[in-house]
Amino acid sequence: RFSRWIVLQGIVILLGLNRLVFSLIPKYPQFWNAWAQRTLKIALTRQSLNRNRAKNLILFLGDGMGVPTVTAARILKGQLNGQSGEETVLEMDKFPFVSLAKTYNTNAQVPDSAGTATAYLCGVKANEGTVGVSAAAVRSQCNTTQGNEVTSILQWAKDAGKSVGIVTTTRVNHATPSAAYAHNAPEALQAGCKDIARQLFENIPNIDVVMGGGRKYMFPKNESDIEYPNVAKHSGTRKDGRNLVQEWTDKMQNKKGYYVWNKNQLLSLNPNNVEYLLGLFEPGDLTYDLERNKETDPSLTEMVDVAIKILRKNPNGFYLLVEGGRIDHGHHEGKAKQALHEAVEMDRAIGRADLLTSAHDTLTVVTADHSHVFSFGGYTSRGNTIFGLAPMVSDIDQKPFTSILYGNGPGYKIVNGVRENVSTIDLQENNYQAQAAVPLSMETHGGEDVAVFAKGPLAHLLNGVNEQNYIPHVMAYAGCIGKNRDHCMSKSAAGHFHPTFAGVVALVTISRLVY
């Protein structure tokens, strides 16, 4: 009987768990027992740890993708496929190792994206509003940058002979990607610092793949945009008169380098004939995936696909930073539907990367820089649309409320002196701003820990609760890049690492200094 339930469960999984099936089968204990036993068998196969050297390193960063966002995105993904949603398995859910990262900045309990990016890319915690510099540097004070620069894992990988890439749905000179190559605070330009767009091309020469938005920051002030020639706000912004794209193109013309600005150009490329790629698909950030023109604008999944196919040609492997950056923007605007669809798209990109790589030699990490004051609750029933109402009204003001709520943000609305009655509002509208407890023009970040999902060589080192800056140290250790490489000299014939005595002593010494 027990085996029949295992078979039945397999059939259900293969066919997809639609709402009718899931409304009937869960009534039987055998179903849950069989599912748990199947999960146990999978867990037992993970007792043999992957100790290979990581040839390739991939970091997926969901900007603002706190644990509530992951859960809500899981439900949305299932509901988009006609399922109840709660039982859905995200691509990141399949990763065998999960830990938590503490996100605070050195001077902030609730962090921003710049300081956190410095942590998970450069390996050191930093002040809010600063990228690629230690906590000795002060936001907006350019003269504090010199001497306090810190390098990123992208730099370490490039120095080790690997190919490197950055793919983002924001502008390529935004907080997350800029920490991979820049050293300053965004507001410090007036004080004499190099702007971040310029640093993209000058600090780490020959980054192999760069894709995202931000065209207008590369062209001279008032130069018309190629896609929106009659829209002034999309024109170039550079006051130094430089055309950074043209400079890059001239430099790469004999190096198999290509610049593209739309989906057709991107997908027309043969990755086997491309060594360097610069793709800038919007003047600013890329459009939300829900609003994306699928004929002209590439998805995050499509960008990741091309990036990996170019980078993996290097026999030394590659490092790739992928940012689902507009999850954060959706939350800031109180637009939960936009944010969650961005998270679902990033999960698709994770699935595509899985198809193009192997956990045997590729360490993949999925995490967030910080959370948001986003939640969902209200005792909703199984299969309730994630964007729907709670099945009850407030016992204080007798009005309905949405399951999704923000602690603060633009969704706070008072009508005729009382809370808005949302029963007549179209909650499924793409840009509906979910209800918020405190009025703010922009919703804020949250301060709780974020999840870290890991698979591949030495992924088991990402366990427990750690400081956020621990992440690049593990990735560098697994890939034998950066400073801590003693263990790389003692690789066995089986391809596994055996830590050297010197390496162990160094780690013990560091741990004593810290603790």
Protein backbone atom coordinates (compact mmCIF):
# COMPACT_ATOMS: atom_id res chain seq x y z
CA ARG A 1 0.00 0.00 0.00
CA PHE A 2 2.83 2.35 0.91
CA SER A 3 4.56 1.73 -2.44
CA ARG A 4 1.31 2.48 -4.27
CA TRP A 5 1.24 5.90 -2.63
CA ILE A 6 4.80 6.53 -3.76
CA VAL A 7 3.79 5.66 -7.33
CA LEU A 8 0.68 7.84 -7.05
CA GLN A 9 2.75 10.71 -5.75
CA GLY A 10 5.15 10.34 -8.69
CA ILE A 11 2.25 10.47 -11.14
CA VAL A 12 0.87 13.58 -9.46
CA ILE A 13 4.26 15.30 -9.64
CA LEU A 14 4.69 14.38 -13.31
CA LEU A 15 1.24 15.59 -14.28
CA GLY A 16 1.40 18.70 -12.14
CA LEU A 17 -0.46 19.24 -8.91
CA ASN A 18 -3.62 20.96 -10.07
CA ARG A 19 -6.13 22.26 -7.56
CA LEU A 20 -8.61 19.41 -7.99
CA VAL A 21 -5.97 16.74 -7.34
CA PHE A 22 -4.56 18.56 -4.39
CA SER A 23 -7.98 19.08 -2.88
CA LEU A 24 -8.51 15.31 -2.72
CA ILE A 25 -5.21 13.53 -2.13
CA PRO A 26 -3.93 15.47 0.93
CA LYS A 27 -6.76 14.07 2.99
CA TYR A 28 -4.90 10.79 3.19
CA PRO A 29 -1.92 10.40 5.57
CA GLN A 30 -0.26 8.04 3.10
CA PHE A 31 0.25 10.92 0.69
CA TRP A 32 2.23 13.01 3.17
CA ASN A 33 4.13 10.02 4.50
CA ALA A 34 5.15 9.01 0.98
CA TRP A 35 6.23 12.54 0.14
CA ALA A 36 8.29 12.83 3.32
CA GLN A 37 9.94 9.45 2.70
CA ARG A 38 10.83 10.50 -0.83
CA THR A 39 12.37 13.70 0.53
CA LEU A 40 14.29 11.67 3.11
CA LYS A 41 15.76 9.41 0.41
CA ILE A 42 16.92 12.45 -1.53
CA ALA A 43 18.48 13.92 1.62
CA LEU A 44 20.35 10.68 2.30
CA THR A 45 21.98 10.87 -1.13
CA ARG A 46 23.53 14.18 -0.06
CA GLN A 47 25.65 12.61 2.63
CA SER A 48 28.50 12.35 0.13
CA LEU A 49 29.70 15.94 -0.06
CA ASN A 50 30.91 17.49 -3.31
CA ARG A 51 34.55 18.40 -2.61
CA ASN A 52 35.54 19.13 -6.20
CA ARG A 53 37.22 22.33 -7.24
CA ALA A 54 34.66 24.78 -8.63
CA LYS A 55 35.67 25.57 -12.18
CA ASN A 56 32.70 27.92 -12.52
CA LEU A 57 31.11 30.27 -9.98
CA ILE A 58 27.64 31.80 -10.34
CA LEU A 59 25.98 34.20 -7.91
CA PHE A 60 22.28 34.95 -8.39
CA LEU A 61 21.34 38.01 -6.37
CA GLY A 62 17.66 38.79 -5.90
CA ASP A 63 17.72 42.43 -4.84
CA GLY A 64 15.26 42.75 -1.96
CA MET A 65 14.31 39.07 -2.16
CA GLY A 66 13.65 38.34 1.51
CA VAL A 67 12.20 35.03 2.69
CA PRO A 68 8.55 36.25 2.45
CA THR A 69 9.24 37.23 -1.17
CA VAL A 70 10.67 33.78 -1.92
CA THR A 71 7.59 32.10 -0.45
CA ALA A 72 5.14 34.38 -2.26
CA ALA A 73 7.03 33.92 -5.54
CA ARG A 74 6.80 30.16 -5.09
CA ILE A 75 3.02 30.40 -4.75
CA LEU A 76 2.77 32.74 -7.73
CA LYS A 77 4.88 30.44 -9.89
CA GLY A 78 2.55 27.55 -9.12
CA GLN A 79 -0.59 29.59 -9.71
CA LEU A 80 0.75 30.79 -13.06
CA ASN A 81 0.90 27.08 -13.97
CA GLY A 82 -2.67 26.42 -12.85
CA GLN A 83 -1.70 24.91 -9.51
CA SER A 84 -2.63 25.77 -5.96
CA GLY A 85 0.85 27.24 -5.56
CA GLU A 86 1.97 26.38 -2.06
CA GLU A 87 3.34 22.97 -3.07
CA THR A 88 5.34 24.35 -5.99
CA VAL A 89 9.11 23.87 -6.04
CA LEU A 90 11.22 26.82 -7.15
CA GLU A 91 14.50 26.14 -8.90
CA MET A 92 16.30 27.58 -5.88
CA ASP A 93 14.26 25.27 -3.62
CA LYS A 94 16.05 22.33 -5.26
CA PHE A 95 19.44 23.46 -3.95
CA PRO A 96 20.65 21.04 -1.26
CA PHE A 97 22.13 23.58 1.14
CA VAL A 98 20.39 26.57 2.68
CA SER A 99 21.71 29.00 5.29
CA LEU A 100 21.02 32.51 6.55
CA ALA A 101 23.04 35.68 6.09
CA LYS A 102 23.04 38.68 8.41
CA THR A 103 22.65 41.77 6.26
CA TYR A 104 23.39 44.79 8.46
CA ASN A 105 25.88 47.42 7.25
CA THR A 106 28.71 48.56 9.50
CA ASN A 107 26.74 51.71 10.30
CA ALA A 108 23.17 50.56 9.72
CA GLN A 109 20.90 48.01 11.35
CA VAL A 110 18.66 47.96 8.27
CA PRO A 111 21.01 47.98 5.26
CA ASP A 112 21.06 49.43 1.78
CA SER A 113 22.06 47.73 -1.46
CA ALA A 114 25.49 49.38 -1.80
CA GLY A 115 26.96 48.33 1.54
CA THR A 116 25.54 44.83 1.25
CA ALA A 117 26.91 44.43 -2.29
CA THR A 118 30.36 45.25 -0.96
CA ALA A 119 29.86 42.46 1.60
CA TYR A 120 28.79 39.62 -0.71
CA LEU A 121 31.11 40.64 -3.56
CA CYS A 122 34.22 42.02 -1.82
CA GLY A 123 34.13 40.00 1.39
CA VAL A 124 34.06 42.92 3.83
CA LYS A 125 31.17 44.74 5.47
CA ALA A 126 30.89 48.43 4.64
CA ASN A 127 28.95 51.60 5.35
CA GLU A 128 25.62 52.20 3.66
CA GLY A 129 25.85 54.08 0.38
CA THR A 130 29.39 52.95 -0.41
CA VAL A 131 30.60 50.35 -2.92
CA GLY A 132 33.96 48.66 -3.20
CA VAL A 133 35.47 50.44 -0.19
CA SER A 134 35.95 49.49 3.43
CA ALA A 135 34.08 51.01 6.35
CA ALA A 136 36.89 53.55 6.68
CA ALA A 137 35.42 55.36 3.66
CA VAL A 138 32.59 57.82 4.27
CA ARG A 139 29.57 58.23 2.03
CA SER A 140 29.79 61.25 -0.30
CA GLN A 141 33.36 62.05 0.77
CA CYS A 142 35.54 61.23 -2.19
CA ASN A 143 38.78 61.97 -0.35
CA THR A 144 38.10 59.00 1.94
CA THR A 145 38.08 56.54 -0.97
CA GLN A 146 41.80 56.44 -1.74
CA GLY A 147 43.57 53.78 0.25
CA ASN A 148 40.33 52.17 1.37
CA GLU A 149 39.47 50.34 -1.85
CA VAL A 150 38.62 46.64 -1.64
CA THR A 151 38.57 44.27 -4.59
CA SER A 152 35.74 41.96 -5.58
CA ILE A 153 35.47 38.27 -6.34
CA LEU A 154 34.95 39.25 -9.97
CA GLN A 155 38.43 40.82 -9.90
CA TRP A 156 39.86 37.74 -8.15
CA ALA A 157 38.36 35.50 -10.83
CA LYS A 158 39.70 37.68 -13.65
CA ASP A 159 43.17 37.67 -12.10
CA ALA A 160 43.01 33.86 -11.95
CA GLY A 161 42.40 33.65 -15.70
CA LYS A 162 38.68 33.03 -15.60
CA SER A 163 36.15 34.79 -17.80
CA VAL A 164 33.81 37.10 -15.89
CA GLY A 165 30.38 38.54 -16.49
CA ILE A 166 27.68 40.78 -15.06
CA VAL A 167 23.99 40.45 -15.97
CA THR A 168 21.37 42.65 -14.35
CA THR A 169 17.83 43.92 -14.88
CA THR A 170 18.84 47.31 -13.47
CA ARG A 171 21.29 49.77 -14.99
CA VAL A 172 24.78 48.29 -15.08
CA ASN A 173 26.11 51.14 -12.93
CA HIS A 174 23.57 50.55 -10.18
CA ALA A 175 24.54 49.52 -6.61
CA THR A 176 24.75 45.73 -6.97
CA PRO A 177 26.76 45.44 -10.20
CA SER A 178 28.96 48.45 -9.40
CA ALA A 179 30.39 46.82 -6.26
CA ALA A 180 31.97 44.26 -8.59
CA TYR A 181 34.21 46.88 -10.22
CA ALA A 182 33.82 50.36 -8.66
CA HIS A 183 35.22 52.09 -5.59
CA ASN A 184 33.26 55.06 -4.25
CA ALA A 185 29.91 56.43 -3.13
CA PRO A 186 27.38 57.39 -5.83
CA GLU A 187 27.09 60.95 -4.54
CA ALA A 188 30.85 61.55 -4.51
CA LEU A 189 31.19 62.56 -8.18
CA GLN A 190 30.95 66.24 -7.37
CA ALA A 191 33.89 65.84 -5.01
CA GLY A 192 36.19 64.56 -7.76
CA CYS A 193 35.58 60.81 -7.89
CA LYS A 194 35.31 58.98 -11.20
CA ASP A 195 31.69 58.24 -12.06
CA ILE A 196 30.68 54.60 -11.83
CA ALA A 197 29.88 54.18 -15.54
CA ARG A 198 33.45 55.19 -16.38
CA GLN A 199 34.83 52.82 -13.75
CA LEU A 200 32.99 49.96 -15.44
CA PHE A 201 35.32 50.27 -18.42
CA GLU A 202 38.50 51.42 -16.70
CA ASN A 203 38.87 49.67 -13.33
CA ILE A 204 38.78 46.06 -14.56
CA PRO A 205 39.68 46.12 -18.26
CA ASN A 206 38.02 43.56 -20.47
CA ILE A 207 35.11 42.30 -18.39
CA ASP A 208 33.97 39.63 -20.80
CA VAL A 209 30.19 40.06 -20.58
CA VAL A 210 28.16 43.03 -19.35
CA MET A 211 24.39 43.14 -19.87
CA GLY A 212 21.64 45.28 -18.40
CA GLY A 213 20.36 48.84 -18.71
CA GLY A 214 21.99 52.24 -18.34
CA ARG A 215 22.65 53.42 -21.91
CA LYS A 216 22.18 57.09 -21.15
CA TYR A 217 25.06 57.11 -18.68
CA MET A 218 27.46 56.08 -21.45
CA PHE A 219 26.72 58.83 -23.99
CA PRO A 220 27.40 62.61 -24.13
CA LYS A 221 24.85 64.91 -22.55
CA ASN A 222 21.78 65.50 -24.72
CA GLU A 223 22.78 62.92 -27.35
CA SER A 224 19.54 61.24 -28.48
CA ASP A 225 18.96 57.64 -27.48
CA ILE A 226 18.93 55.16 -30.35
CA GLU A 227 15.66 53.56 -29.21
CA TYR A 228 13.84 56.65 -27.93
CA PRO A 229 15.28 59.49 -30.06
CA ASN A 230 12.48 61.93 -29.24
CA VAL A 231 12.35 61.38 -25.48
CA ALA A 232 14.58 63.92 -23.74
CA LYS A 233 14.81 62.07 -20.42
CA HIS A 234 16.45 59.14 -22.20
CA SER A 235 19.20 61.22 -23.82
CA GLY A 236 22.83 60.94 -22.80
CA THR A 237 23.93 62.39 -19.48
CA ARG A 238 27.74 62.55 -19.64
CA LYS A 239 29.11 66.03 -19.06
CA ASP A 240 32.63 65.04 -20.10
CA GLY A 241 31.45 64.54 -23.70
CA ARG A 242 32.76 60.97 -23.83
CA ASN A 243 31.00 58.17 -25.68
CA LEU A 244 31.95 55.16 -23.58
CA VAL A 245 30.18 52.71 -25.87
CA GLN A 246 32.09 53.92 -28.92
CA GLU A 247 35.35 53.80 -26.99
CA TRP A 248 34.61 50.21 -25.97
CA THR A 249 33.61 49.25 -29.52
CA ASP A 250 36.79 50.71 -30.98
CA LYS A 251 38.87 48.85 -28.42
CA MET A 252 37.16 45.54 -29.11
CA GLN A 253 36.81 45.68 -32.88
CA ASN A 254 39.62 43.15 -33.44
CA LYS A 255 38.85 41.09 -30.35
CA LYS A 256 35.48 39.59 -31.30
CA GLY A 257 33.68 42.14 -29.18
CA TYR A 258 30.04 43.08 -29.88
CA TYR A 259 27.76 45.84 -28.64
CA VAL A 260 24.00 45.17 -28.79
CA TRP A 261 20.99 47.15 -27.61
CA ASN A 262 17.97 44.96 -28.45
CA LYS A 263 16.80 41.37 -28.22
CA ASN A 264 17.13 40.60 -31.93
CA GLN A 265 20.76 41.67 -31.98
CA LEU A 266 21.50 39.65 -28.85
CA LEU A 267 19.87 36.43 -30.01
CA SER A 268 21.39 36.76 -33.48
CA LEU A 269 24.88 36.37 -32.05
CA ASN A 270 26.70 33.05 -32.23
CA PRO A 271 28.25 32.73 -28.75
CA ASN A 272 31.04 30.60 -30.21
CA ASN A 273 32.21 33.64 -32.18
CA VAL A 274 31.93 36.15 -29.33
CA GLU A 275 34.68 36.86 -26.83
CA TYR A 276 33.34 40.12 -25.38
CA LEU A 277 29.78 41.38 -25.16
CA LEU A 278 28.31 44.69 -24.04
CA GLY A 279 24.51 44.74 -24.02
CA LEU A 280 22.65 47.88 -22.93
CA PHE A 281 18.95 47.38 -23.54
CA GLU A 282 17.40 50.49 -21.97
CA PRO A 283 18.49 54.07 -21.18
CA GLY A 284 17.91 53.35 -17.48
CA ASP A 285 16.74 50.19 -15.74
CA LEU A 286 15.17 47.44 -17.84
CA THR A 287 11.38 47.45 -17.85
CA TYR A 288 9.52 45.20 -15.44
CA ASP A 289 9.12 41.71 -16.86
CA LEU A 290 5.33 42.09 -16.82
CA GLU A 291 5.65 45.12 -19.09
CA ARG A 292 8.56 43.90 -21.19
CA ASN A 293 8.20 44.08 -24.96
CA LYS A 294 8.91 40.44 -25.72
CA GLU A 295 9.75 41.27 -29.33
CA THR A 296 12.45 43.84 -28.62
CA ASP A 297 13.61 43.35 -25.02
CA PRO A 298 15.43 40.24 -23.77
CA SER A 299 14.36 38.53 -20.56
CA LEU A 300 16.77 37.85 -17.72
CA THR A 301 16.68 34.18 -18.70
CA GLU A 302 17.68 34.98 -22.29
CA MET A 303 20.54 37.20 -21.12
CA VAL A 304 21.81 34.51 -18.75
CA ASP A 305 21.62 31.92 -21.51
CA VAL A 306 23.84 33.95 -23.84
CA ALA A 307 26.21 34.98 -21.07
CA ILE A 308 26.95 31.43 -19.95
CA LYS A 309 27.40 30.20 -23.53
CA ILE A 310 30.05 32.88 -24.06
CA LEU A 311 31.79 32.54 -20.70
CA ARG A 312 31.96 28.73 -20.53
CA LYS A 313 34.32 28.55 -23.51
CA ASN A 314 37.20 29.50 -21.22
CA PRO A 315 38.97 26.28 -20.13
CA ASN A 316 39.74 27.99 -16.80
CA GLY A 317 36.04 28.51 -16.13
CA PHE A 318 34.11 31.65 -15.28
CA TYR A 319 32.51 33.85 -12.62
CA LEU A 320 29.06 35.28 -13.34
CA LEU A 321 27.05 37.76 -11.27
CA VAL A 322 23.33 37.75 -12.10
CA GLU A 323 21.03 40.29 -10.48
CA GLY A 324 17.25 40.22 -10.44
CA GLY A 325 17.39 43.87 -9.51
CA ARG A 326 13.86 45.03 -10.06
CA ILE A 327 12.39 42.84 -7.32
CA ASP A 328 13.62 45.63 -5.10
CA HIS A 329 12.08 48.38 -7.23
CA GLY A 330 8.67 46.70 -7.24
CA HIS A 331 8.67 46.50 -3.47
CA HIS A 332 9.83 50.10 -3.04
CA GLU A 333 6.89 51.20 -5.17
CA GLY A 334 4.48 49.00 -3.23
CA LYS A 335 3.80 47.03 -6.42
CA ALA A 336 3.91 43.49 -5.11
CA LYS A 337 2.77 41.98 -8.41
CA GLN A 338 5.70 43.52 -10.26
CA ALA A 339 8.15 42.43 -7.56
CA LEU A 340 6.94 38.84 -7.44
CA HIS A 341 6.90 38.42 -11.21
CA GLU A 342 10.50 39.65 -11.22
CA ALA A 343 11.35 36.98 -8.65
CA VAL A 344 9.66 34.28 -10.74
CA GLU A 345 11.64 35.37 -13.79
CA MET A 346 14.89 35.18 -11.85
CA ASP A 347 13.95 31.66 -10.82
CA ARG A 348 13.52 30.79 -14.49
CA ALA A 349 17.01 32.13 -15.13
CA ILE A 350 18.34 29.92 -12.34
CA GLY A 351 16.73 26.95 -14.10
CA ARG A 352 18.35 27.90 -17.39
CA ALA A 353 21.76 28.16 -15.76
CA ASP A 354 21.23 24.70 -14.28
CA LEU A 355 20.67 23.27 -17.76
CA LEU A 356 23.84 24.89 -19.09
CA THR A 357 26.17 23.88 -16.25
CA SER A 358 26.89 20.92 -13.99
CA ALA A 359 26.88 20.82 -10.19
CA HIS A 360 29.98 18.64 -10.55
CA ASP A 361 32.17 21.66 -11.32
CA THR A 362 29.92 24.71 -10.89
CA LEU A 363 29.17 26.33 -7.54
CA THR A 364 25.89 28.24 -7.76
CA VAL A 365 24.69 30.49 -4.95
CA VAL A 366 21.32 32.25 -4.76
CA THR A 367 20.72 34.93 -2.16
CA ALA A 368 19.47 38.46 -1.51
CA ASP A 369 21.18 41.63 -0.38
CA HIS A 370 18.37 42.53 2.05
CA SER A 371 14.67 42.06 2.64
CA HIS A 372 11.67 44.41 2.54
CA VAL A 373 8.81 45.16 4.93
CA PHE A 374 6.65 42.86 2.78
CA SER A 375 4.42 40.14 4.21
CA PHE A 376 1.36 38.08 3.43
CA GLY A 377 -1.11 36.57 5.87
CA GLY A 378 -4.69 36.83 7.09
CA TYR A 379 -5.50 33.11 7.30
CA THR A 380 -6.03 32.78 3.55
CA SER A 381 -7.28 29.41 2.34
CA ARG A 382 -5.26 26.95 0.29
CA GLY A 383 -4.97 28.10 -3.32
CA ASN A 384 -6.10 31.66 -2.58
CA THR A 385 -4.64 33.97 -5.22
CA ILE A 386 -1.49 35.46 -3.75
CA PHE A 387 -2.78 38.92 -4.72
CA GLY A 388 -6.23 38.41 -3.20
CA LEU A 389 -8.13 39.47 -0.11
CA ALA A 390 -7.90 37.79 3.27
CA PRO A 391 -11.05 35.71 3.97
CA MET A 392 -12.09 37.99 6.82
CA VAL A 393 -12.69 41.62 7.62
CA SER A 394 -11.06 43.67 10.33
CA ASP A 395 -12.80 43.35 13.67
CA ILE A 396 -11.87 46.99 14.31
CA ASP A 397 -13.12 48.87 11.24
CA GLN A 398 -15.13 46.04 9.60
CA LYS A 399 -13.34 46.50 6.26
CA PRO A 400 -11.66 43.84 4.13
CA PHE A 401 -7.89 43.79 3.69
CA THR A 402 -5.42 42.26 1.26
CA SER A 403 -3.37 39.22 2.17
CA ILE A 404 -0.23 41.04 0.99
CA LEU A 405 0.65 43.97 3.22
CA TYR A 406 3.61 46.34 3.59
CA GLY A 407 4.77 47.75 6.90
CA ASN A 408 5.13 51.11 5.18
CA GLY A 409 4.95 52.59 1.71
CA PRO A 410 2.77 54.34 -0.88
CA GLY A 411 -0.11 51.86 -0.44
CA TYR A 412 -1.32 53.65 2.70
CA LYS A 413 -4.63 55.26 1.74
CA ILE A 414 -7.27 57.13 3.72
CA VAL A 415 -10.61 57.86 2.05
CA ASN A 416 -13.03 60.25 3.78
CA GLY A 417 -11.02 59.96 6.96
CA VAL A 418 -11.07 56.17 7.16
CA ARG A 419 -9.12 53.26 5.70
CA GLU A 420 -9.84 52.57 2.06
CA ASN A 421 -12.37 49.83 1.29
CA VAL A 422 -10.45 47.59 -1.11
CA SER A 423 -13.36 45.29 -1.95
CA THR A 424 -14.07 47.24 -5.14
CA ILE A 425 -10.42 47.66 -6.18
CA ASP A 426 -8.83 45.58 -8.96
CA LEU A 427 -6.17 43.84 -6.88
CA GLN A 428 -4.86 41.96 -9.93
CA GLU A 429 -3.83 45.11 -11.76
CA ASN A 430 -0.09 45.07 -12.48
CA ASN A 431 0.65 48.32 -10.69
CA TYR A 432 -1.77 48.03 -7.77
CA GLN A 433 -0.05 49.32 -4.66
CA ALA A 434 -0.70 46.95 -1.78
CA GLN A 435 -1.97 48.30 1.51
CA ALA A 436 0.63 49.72 3.88
CA ALA A 437 0.51 50.52 7.60
CA VAL A 438 2.56 53.72 7.49
CA PRO A 439 2.48 56.32 4.69
CA LEU A 440 5.76 56.74 2.82
CA SER A 441 6.40 57.74 -0.78
CA MET A 442 8.79 54.76 -1.07
CA GLU A 443 8.60 51.56 0.96
CA THR A 444 11.72 50.65 2.94
CA HIS A 445 14.06 47.72 3.25
CA GLY A 446 13.66 45.14 6.01
CA GLY A 447 16.40 44.18 8.43
CA GLU A 448 15.95 40.43 8.90
CA ASP A 449 18.36 37.74 7.70
CA VAL A 450 18.11 36.51 4.12
CA ALA A 451 18.33 32.97 2.76
CA VAL A 452 21.42 31.64 0.99
CA PHE A 453 20.81 28.67 -1.33
CA ALA A 454 23.87 26.76 -2.57
CA LYS A 455 24.74 23.77 -4.74
CA GLY A 456 27.90 22.42 -6.33
CA PRO A 457 31.49 22.08 -5.09
CA LEU A 458 31.87 22.89 -1.37
CA ALA A 459 28.34 24.27 -1.20
CA HIS A 460 28.05 22.62 2.21
CA LEU A 461 30.32 25.35 3.61
CA LEU A 462 27.35 27.68 3.35
CA ASN A 463 25.49 26.42 6.39
CA GLY A 464 24.10 27.86 9.62
CA VAL A 465 23.86 31.63 10.19
CA ASN A 466 26.73 33.71 8.89
CA GLU A 467 27.77 37.26 8.21
CA GLN A 468 26.92 38.26 4.64
CA ASN A 469 30.56 38.94 3.76
CA TYR A 470 31.31 35.23 4.30
CA ILE A 471 29.71 34.35 0.94
CA PRO A 472 32.51 35.43 -1.45
CA HIS A 473 35.12 33.82 0.81
CA VAL A 474 33.42 30.45 0.37
CA MET A 475 33.04 30.94 -3.37
CA ALA A 476 36.68 31.97 -3.75
CA TYR A 477 37.84 29.02 -1.63
CA ALA A 478 35.82 26.62 -3.77
CA GLY A 479 37.16 28.12 -6.99
CA CYS A 480 40.78 28.47 -5.85
CA ILE A 481 40.87 32.20 -6.49
CA GLY A 482 41.74 35.13 -4.26
CA LYS A 483 44.13 34.88 -1.32
CA ASN A 484 43.17 31.66 0.47
CA ARG A 485 44.52 29.01 -1.92
CA ASP A 486 46.80 26.79 0.14
CA HIS A 487 44.33 23.93 -0.11
CA CYS A 488 44.49 24.07 -3.90
CA MET A 489 48.04 22.76 -3.84
CA SER A 490 47.02 19.48 -2.22
CA LYS A 491 44.32 18.24 -4.54
CA SER A 492 44.06 14.44 -4.59
CA ALA A 493 43.95 12.31 -7.69
CA ALA A 494 40.22 11.92 -7.14
CA GLY A 495 39.79 15.66 -7.59
CA HIS A 496 38.92 16.38 -3.96
CA PHE A 497 40.41 19.01 -1.70
CA HIS A 498 42.47 18.07 1.35
CA PRO A 499 43.23 21.16 3.48
CA THR A 500 46.94 21.67 4.11
CA PHE A 501 48.30 22.10 7.61
CA ALA A 502 49.15 25.73 6.82
CA GLY A 503 45.62 26.33 5.60
CA VAL A 504 44.10 24.89 8.75
CA VAL A 505 46.43 26.93 10.98
CA ALA A 506 45.50 30.10 9.06
CA LEU A 507 41.79 29.46 9.46
CA VAL A 508 42.15 28.65 13.16
CA THR A 509 44.18 31.82 13.71
CA ILE A 510 41.59 33.95 11.94
CA SER A 511 38.75 32.36 13.90
CA ARG A 512 40.53 33.11 17.19
CA LEU A 513 41.02 36.74 16.19
CA VAL A 514 37.35 37.07 15.29
CA TYR A 515 35.83 35.19 18.19
